[in-house]
Amino acid sequence: MEILKFGNLGARFMLELCVLASLGYWGFTLDKGLFVKWVCGIGAPLAAAIIWGSFVAPKSQHFLDDPLRLVVEILIFGAAILALFSSGKTGLAWLLAIAFIINRSLLIVWKQ
């Protein structure tokens, strides 16, 4: 069972990286000028990483308790999922949404 729990934490880290990649992909594929693409492609993942690191990361100085932390997680993952949908990557959007729900459910059940 401990291996599954450790694997769930590893999956969580990979999902967090997928969020950053999804937001970056969305920004760089916008149908706007080059400057806007660069600002959104770098700015969106950077903003998500700052928010995550400030409020959701376990060792953050302003760590939020549940349920407020869950709200922030849903907002950040939701933004990444919407970014994938708007980029035309609906399959990846659904995959990220389902993976997030399963992973977060296991985090709650296993009190991780």
N, C-alpha and C. Protein backbone atom coordinates (compact mmCIF):
# COMPACT_ATOMS: atom_id res chain seq x y z
N MET A 1 0.82 -1.20 0.00
CA MET A 1 0.00 0.00 0.00
C MET A 1 0.86 1.27 0.00
N GLU A 2 1.99 1.20 0.69
CA GLU A 2 2.87 2.37 0.74
C GLU A 2 3.41 2.73 -0.64
N ILE A 3 3.63 1.72 -1.46
CA ILE A 3 4.12 1.98 -2.82
C ILE A 3 3.05 2.74 -3.61
N LEU A 4 1.78 2.36 -3.44
CA LEU A 4 0.70 3.07 -4.13
C LEU A 4 0.60 4.51 -3.65
N LYS A 5 0.76 4.72 -2.37
CA LYS A 5 0.70 6.08 -1.83
C LYS A 5 1.85 6.92 -2.36
N PHE A 6 3.03 6.33 -2.41
CA PHE A 6 4.19 7.04 -2.94
C PHE A 6 3.98 7.34 -4.43
N GLY A 7 3.41 6.37 -5.15
CA GLY A 7 3.12 6.57 -6.57
C GLY A 7 2.10 7.67 -6.79
N ASN A 8 1.13 7.78 -5.88
CA ASN A 8 0.13 8.85 -5.98
C ASN A 8 0.77 10.22 -5.80
N LEU A 9 1.73 10.31 -4.88
CA LEU A 9 2.43 11.60 -4.70
C LEU A 9 3.28 11.93 -5.94
N GLY A 10 3.88 10.91 -6.53
CA GLY A 10 4.64 11.13 -7.76
C GLY A 10 3.74 11.57 -8.89
N ALA A 11 2.56 10.95 -8.97
CA ALA A 11 1.60 11.34 -10.00
C ALA A 11 1.15 12.78 -9.78
N ARG A 12 1.01 13.18 -8.53
CA ARG A 12 0.60 14.55 -8.22
C ARG A 12 1.63 15.54 -8.76
N PHE A 13 2.91 15.23 -8.54
CA PHE A 13 3.96 16.11 -9.04
C PHE A 13 3.92 16.19 -10.57
N MET A 14 3.71 15.06 -11.22
CA MET A 14 3.62 15.06 -12.68
C MET A 14 2.42 15.86 -13.16
N LEU A 15 1.30 15.78 -12.45
CA LEU A 15 0.12 16.56 -12.81
C LEU A 15 0.39 18.05 -12.66
N GLU A 16 1.12 18.42 -11.63
CA GLU A 16 1.47 19.83 -11.45
C GLU A 16 2.32 20.33 -12.62
N LEU A 17 3.24 19.50 -13.08
CA LEU A 17 4.05 19.87 -14.25
C LEU A 17 3.18 19.95 -15.50
N CYS A 18 2.19 19.07 -15.61
CA CYS A 18 1.27 19.12 -16.75
C CYS A 18 0.47 20.42 -16.76
N VAL A 19 0.12 20.91 -15.59
CA VAL A 19 -0.59 22.19 -15.49
C VAL A 19 0.27 23.30 -16.09
N LEU A 20 1.53 23.34 -15.70
CA LEU A 20 2.43 24.39 -16.21
C LEU A 20 2.61 24.26 -17.72
N ALA A 21 2.78 23.03 -18.20
CA ALA A 21 2.95 22.82 -19.63
C ALA A 21 1.68 23.19 -20.40
N SER A 22 0.53 22.88 -19.84
CA SER A 22 -0.75 23.19 -20.50
C SER A 22 -0.94 24.70 -20.63
N LEU A 23 -0.64 25.41 -19.56
CA LEU A 23 -0.80 26.87 -19.61
C LEU A 23 0.20 27.50 -20.56
N GLY A 24 1.42 26.98 -20.58
CA GLY A 24 2.42 27.49 -21.51
C GLY A 24 2.03 27.21 -22.96
N TYR A 25 1.56 26.00 -23.21
CA TYR A 25 1.13 25.65 -24.56
C TYR A 25 0.01 26.56 -25.02
N TRP A 26 -0.97 26.77 -24.15
CA TRP A 26 -2.09 27.67 -24.48
C TRP A 26 -1.57 29.05 -24.86
N GLY A 27 -0.69 29.60 -24.06
CA GLY A 27 -0.19 30.95 -24.32
C GLY A 27 0.55 31.06 -25.64
N PHE A 28 1.40 30.08 -25.92
CA PHE A 28 2.20 30.15 -27.14
C PHE A 28 1.41 29.81 -28.40
N THR A 29 0.23 29.24 -28.25
CA THR A 29 -0.58 28.92 -29.44
C THR A 29 -1.74 29.88 -29.64
N LEU A 30 -1.78 30.97 -28.88
CA LEU A 30 -2.83 31.97 -29.07
C LEU A 30 -2.75 32.56 -30.47
N ASP A 31 -3.88 32.95 -30.99
CA ASP A 31 -3.93 33.57 -32.31
C ASP A 31 -3.79 35.08 -32.15
N LYS A 32 -2.70 35.49 -31.56
CA LYS A 32 -2.41 36.91 -31.30
C LYS A 32 -1.01 37.20 -31.78
N GLY A 33 -0.57 38.40 -31.51
CA GLY A 33 0.77 38.80 -31.91
C GLY A 33 1.84 38.06 -31.11
N LEU A 34 3.06 38.15 -31.60
CA LEU A 34 4.19 37.44 -30.98
C LEU A 34 4.40 37.88 -29.53
N PHE A 35 4.26 39.17 -29.27
CA PHE A 35 4.46 39.67 -27.91
C PHE A 35 3.43 39.07 -26.95
N VAL A 36 2.18 39.03 -27.35
CA VAL A 36 1.11 38.48 -26.50
C VAL A 36 1.35 36.99 -26.27
N LYS A 37 1.79 36.28 -27.31
CA LYS A 37 2.08 34.86 -27.16
C LYS A 37 3.17 34.64 -26.11
N TRP A 38 4.21 35.42 -26.17
CA TRP A 38 5.30 35.27 -25.21
C TRP A 38 4.87 35.64 -23.80
N VAL A 39 4.11 36.72 -23.68
CA VAL A 39 3.65 37.14 -22.35
C VAL A 39 2.74 36.07 -21.74
N CYS A 40 1.80 35.56 -22.52
CA CYS A 40 0.88 34.53 -22.00
C CYS A 40 1.57 33.18 -21.85
N GLY A 41 2.44 32.84 -22.78
CA GLY A 41 3.12 31.56 -22.73
C GLY A 41 4.07 31.42 -21.56
N ILE A 42 4.63 32.52 -21.13
CA ILE A 42 5.51 32.50 -19.96
C ILE A 42 4.76 32.97 -18.72
N GLY A 43 3.90 33.96 -18.87
CA GLY A 43 3.21 34.55 -17.73
C GLY A 43 2.18 33.65 -17.07
N ALA A 44 1.41 32.91 -17.86
CA ALA A 44 0.37 32.05 -17.28
C ALA A 44 0.97 30.94 -16.41
N PRO A 45 1.96 30.19 -16.90
CA PRO A 45 2.55 29.17 -16.02
C PRO A 45 3.29 29.78 -14.84
N LEU A 46 3.91 30.93 -15.06
CA LEU A 46 4.62 31.58 -13.97
C LEU A 46 3.65 32.02 -12.86
N ALA A 47 2.53 32.59 -13.25
CA ALA A 47 1.52 33.00 -12.27
C ALA A 47 0.98 31.79 -11.51
N ALA A 48 0.71 30.71 -12.23
CA ALA A 48 0.21 29.49 -11.58
C ALA A 48 1.24 28.94 -10.60
N ALA A 49 2.50 28.94 -11.00
CA ALA A 49 3.56 28.43 -10.12
C ALA A 49 3.71 29.29 -8.87
N ILE A 50 3.59 30.59 -9.02
CA ILE A 50 3.70 31.48 -7.86
C ILE A 50 2.54 31.26 -6.90
N ILE A 51 1.34 31.17 -7.44
CA ILE A 51 0.16 30.93 -6.58
C ILE A 51 0.28 29.58 -5.90
N TRP A 52 0.64 28.56 -6.66
CA TRP A 52 0.77 27.21 -6.10
C TRP A 52 1.84 27.19 -5.00
N GLY A 53 2.98 27.76 -5.31
CA GLY A 53 4.07 27.77 -4.34
C GLY A 53 3.78 28.59 -3.10
N SER A 54 2.95 29.60 -3.24
CA SER A 54 2.63 30.46 -2.11
C SER A 54 1.55 29.90 -1.20
N PHE A 55 0.59 29.17 -1.76
CA PHE A 55 -0.57 28.78 -0.98
C PHE A 55 -0.86 27.29 -0.91
N VAL A 56 -0.37 26.51 -1.86
CA VAL A 56 -0.75 25.09 -1.93
C VAL A 56 0.41 24.17 -1.57
N ALA A 57 1.63 24.54 -1.93
CA ALA A 57 2.78 23.68 -1.66
C ALA A 57 2.91 23.42 -0.15
N PRO A 58 3.20 22.18 0.22
CA PRO A 58 3.22 21.82 1.64
C PRO A 58 4.17 22.65 2.50
N LYS A 59 5.27 23.13 1.95
CA LYS A 59 6.23 23.91 2.74
C LYS A 59 6.10 25.41 2.53
N SER A 60 4.97 25.86 1.97
CA SER A 60 4.80 27.29 1.72
C SER A 60 4.56 28.03 3.03
N GLN A 61 4.92 29.30 3.05
CA GLN A 61 4.76 30.12 4.25
C GLN A 61 3.30 30.45 4.52
N HIS A 62 2.48 30.50 3.48
CA HIS A 62 1.07 30.85 3.62
C HIS A 62 0.18 29.66 3.27
N PHE A 63 0.56 28.49 3.71
CA PHE A 63 -0.15 27.25 3.39
C PHE A 63 -1.61 27.36 3.81
N LEU A 64 -2.50 27.09 2.86
CA LEU A 64 -3.93 27.16 3.14
C LEU A 64 -4.43 25.81 3.63
N ASP A 65 -5.34 25.84 4.56
CA ASP A 65 -5.98 24.61 5.03
C ASP A 65 -7.17 24.30 4.12
N ASP A 66 -7.55 23.02 4.13
CA ASP A 66 -8.77 22.65 3.39
C ASP A 66 -9.96 23.30 4.07
N PRO A 67 -10.97 23.71 3.40
CA PRO A 67 -11.28 23.51 1.99
C PRO A 67 -10.76 24.63 1.08
N LEU A 68 -10.17 25.69 1.66
CA LEU A 68 -9.71 26.80 0.83
C LEU A 68 -8.58 26.36 -0.10
N ARG A 69 -7.71 25.49 0.37
CA ARG A 69 -6.63 25.00 -0.49
C ARG A 69 -7.20 24.23 -1.68
N LEU A 70 -8.25 23.44 -1.43
CA LEU A 70 -8.89 22.69 -2.50
C LEU A 70 -9.48 23.63 -3.55
N VAL A 71 -10.02 24.75 -3.12
CA VAL A 71 -10.58 25.73 -4.05
C VAL A 71 -9.47 26.28 -4.96
N VAL A 72 -8.32 26.60 -4.37
CA VAL A 72 -7.20 27.12 -5.17
C VAL A 72 -6.71 26.06 -6.14
N GLU A 73 -6.62 24.81 -5.68
CA GLU A 73 -6.20 23.72 -6.57
C GLU A 73 -7.17 23.57 -7.74
N ILE A 74 -8.45 23.59 -7.45
CA ILE A 74 -9.45 23.45 -8.50
C ILE A 74 -9.36 24.61 -9.49
N LEU A 75 -9.14 25.81 -9.01
CA LEU A 75 -9.02 26.96 -9.90
C LEU A 75 -7.80 26.84 -10.82
N ILE A 76 -6.67 26.41 -10.27
CA ILE A 76 -5.46 26.30 -11.09
C ILE A 76 -5.59 25.15 -12.08
N PHE A 77 -6.02 23.98 -11.61
CA PHE A 77 -6.20 22.86 -12.53
C PHE A 77 -7.30 23.17 -13.54
N GLY A 78 -8.36 23.83 -13.09
CA GLY A 78 -9.44 24.22 -14.00
C GLY A 78 -8.95 25.15 -15.10
N ALA A 79 -8.07 26.09 -14.73
CA ALA A 79 -7.51 27.00 -15.74
C ALA A 79 -6.71 26.21 -16.78
N ALA A 80 -5.93 25.24 -16.32
CA ALA A 80 -5.14 24.43 -17.25
C ALA A 80 -6.03 23.59 -18.15
N ILE A 81 -7.09 23.04 -17.57
CA ILE A 81 -8.03 22.23 -18.37
C ILE A 81 -8.74 23.09 -19.41
N LEU A 82 -9.18 24.27 -19.00
CA LEU A 82 -9.82 25.19 -19.95
C LEU A 82 -8.83 25.64 -21.03
N ALA A 83 -7.58 25.83 -20.64
CA ALA A 83 -6.55 26.21 -21.61
C ALA A 83 -6.39 25.12 -22.67
N LEU A 84 -6.40 23.86 -22.24
CA LEU A 84 -6.29 22.77 -23.21
C LEU A 84 -7.51 22.70 -24.11
N PHE A 85 -8.70 22.88 -23.53
CA PHE A 85 -9.91 22.89 -24.35
C PHE A 85 -9.85 24.00 -25.39
N SER A 86 -9.44 25.19 -24.97
CA SER A 86 -9.43 26.32 -25.90
C SER A 86 -8.32 26.18 -26.95
N SER A 87 -7.33 25.35 -26.66
CA SER A 87 -6.26 25.10 -27.63
C SER A 87 -6.60 23.96 -28.59
N GLY A 88 -7.79 23.40 -28.41
CA GLY A 88 -8.21 22.31 -29.28
C GLY A 88 -7.72 20.94 -28.84
N LYS A 89 -7.15 20.83 -27.69
CA LYS A 89 -6.65 19.56 -27.17
C LYS A 89 -7.65 18.97 -26.19
N THR A 90 -8.84 18.64 -26.70
CA THR A 90 -9.93 18.19 -25.83
C THR A 90 -9.61 16.85 -25.16
N GLY A 91 -8.96 15.96 -25.87
CA GLY A 91 -8.60 14.67 -25.27
C GLY A 91 -7.67 14.84 -24.08
N LEU A 92 -6.67 15.69 -24.25
CA LEU A 92 -5.74 15.95 -23.15
C LEU A 92 -6.43 16.68 -22.00
N ALA A 93 -7.38 17.55 -22.34
CA ALA A 93 -8.12 18.26 -21.30
C ALA A 93 -8.91 17.28 -20.44
N TRP A 94 -9.60 16.35 -21.10
CA TRP A 94 -10.37 15.35 -20.35
C TRP A 94 -9.45 14.45 -19.53
N LEU A 95 -8.32 14.08 -20.11
CA LEU A 95 -7.36 13.23 -19.40
C LEU A 95 -6.83 13.93 -18.15
N LEU A 96 -6.50 15.20 -18.28
CA LEU A 96 -6.01 15.96 -17.12
C LEU A 96 -7.10 16.10 -16.07
N ALA A 97 -8.32 16.35 -16.48
CA ALA A 97 -9.43 16.49 -15.53
C ALA A 97 -9.67 15.19 -14.77
N ILE A 98 -9.70 14.08 -15.47
CA ILE A 98 -9.95 12.79 -14.83
C ILE A 98 -8.79 12.41 -13.91
N ALA A 99 -7.57 12.64 -14.38
CA ALA A 99 -6.40 12.33 -13.56
C ALA A 99 -6.39 13.18 -12.29
N PHE A 100 -6.75 14.45 -12.40
CA PHE A 100 -6.81 15.33 -11.23
C PHE A 100 -7.84 14.81 -10.23
N ILE A 101 -9.02 14.45 -10.71
CA ILE A 101 -10.08 13.99 -9.81
C ILE A 101 -9.66 12.70 -9.09
N ILE A 102 -9.09 11.76 -9.82
CA ILE A 102 -8.65 10.51 -9.20
C ILE A 102 -7.53 10.77 -8.19
N ASN A 103 -6.55 11.56 -8.61
CA ASN A 103 -5.41 11.85 -7.74
C ASN A 103 -5.84 12.58 -6.48
N ARG A 104 -6.67 13.59 -6.64
CA ARG A 104 -7.11 14.37 -5.46
C ARG A 104 -7.97 13.52 -4.54
N SER A 105 -8.79 12.66 -5.11
CA SER A 105 -9.61 11.76 -4.29
C SER A 105 -8.73 10.83 -3.47
N LEU A 106 -7.70 10.28 -4.08
CA LEU A 106 -6.79 9.41 -3.34
C LEU A 106 -6.01 10.18 -2.28
N LEU A 107 -5.65 11.42 -2.57
CA LEU A 107 -4.97 12.24 -1.56
C LEU A 107 -5.86 12.43 -0.34
N ILE A 108 -7.14 12.60 -0.56
CA ILE A 108 -8.08 12.78 0.55
C ILE A 108 -8.26 11.46 1.31
N VAL A 109 -8.50 10.37 0.58
CA VAL A 109 -8.73 9.07 1.22
C VAL A 109 -7.50 8.63 2.02
N TRP A 110 -6.32 8.81 1.46
CA TRP A 110 -5.10 8.37 2.12
C TRP A 110 -4.50 9.44 3.05
N LYS A 111 -5.18 10.57 3.19
CA LYS A 111 -4.75 11.66 4.07
C LYS A 111 -3.29 12.07 3.78
N GLN A 112 -3.02 12.31 2.51
CA GLN A 112 -1.67 12.70 2.09
C GLN A 112 -1.55 14.21 2.03
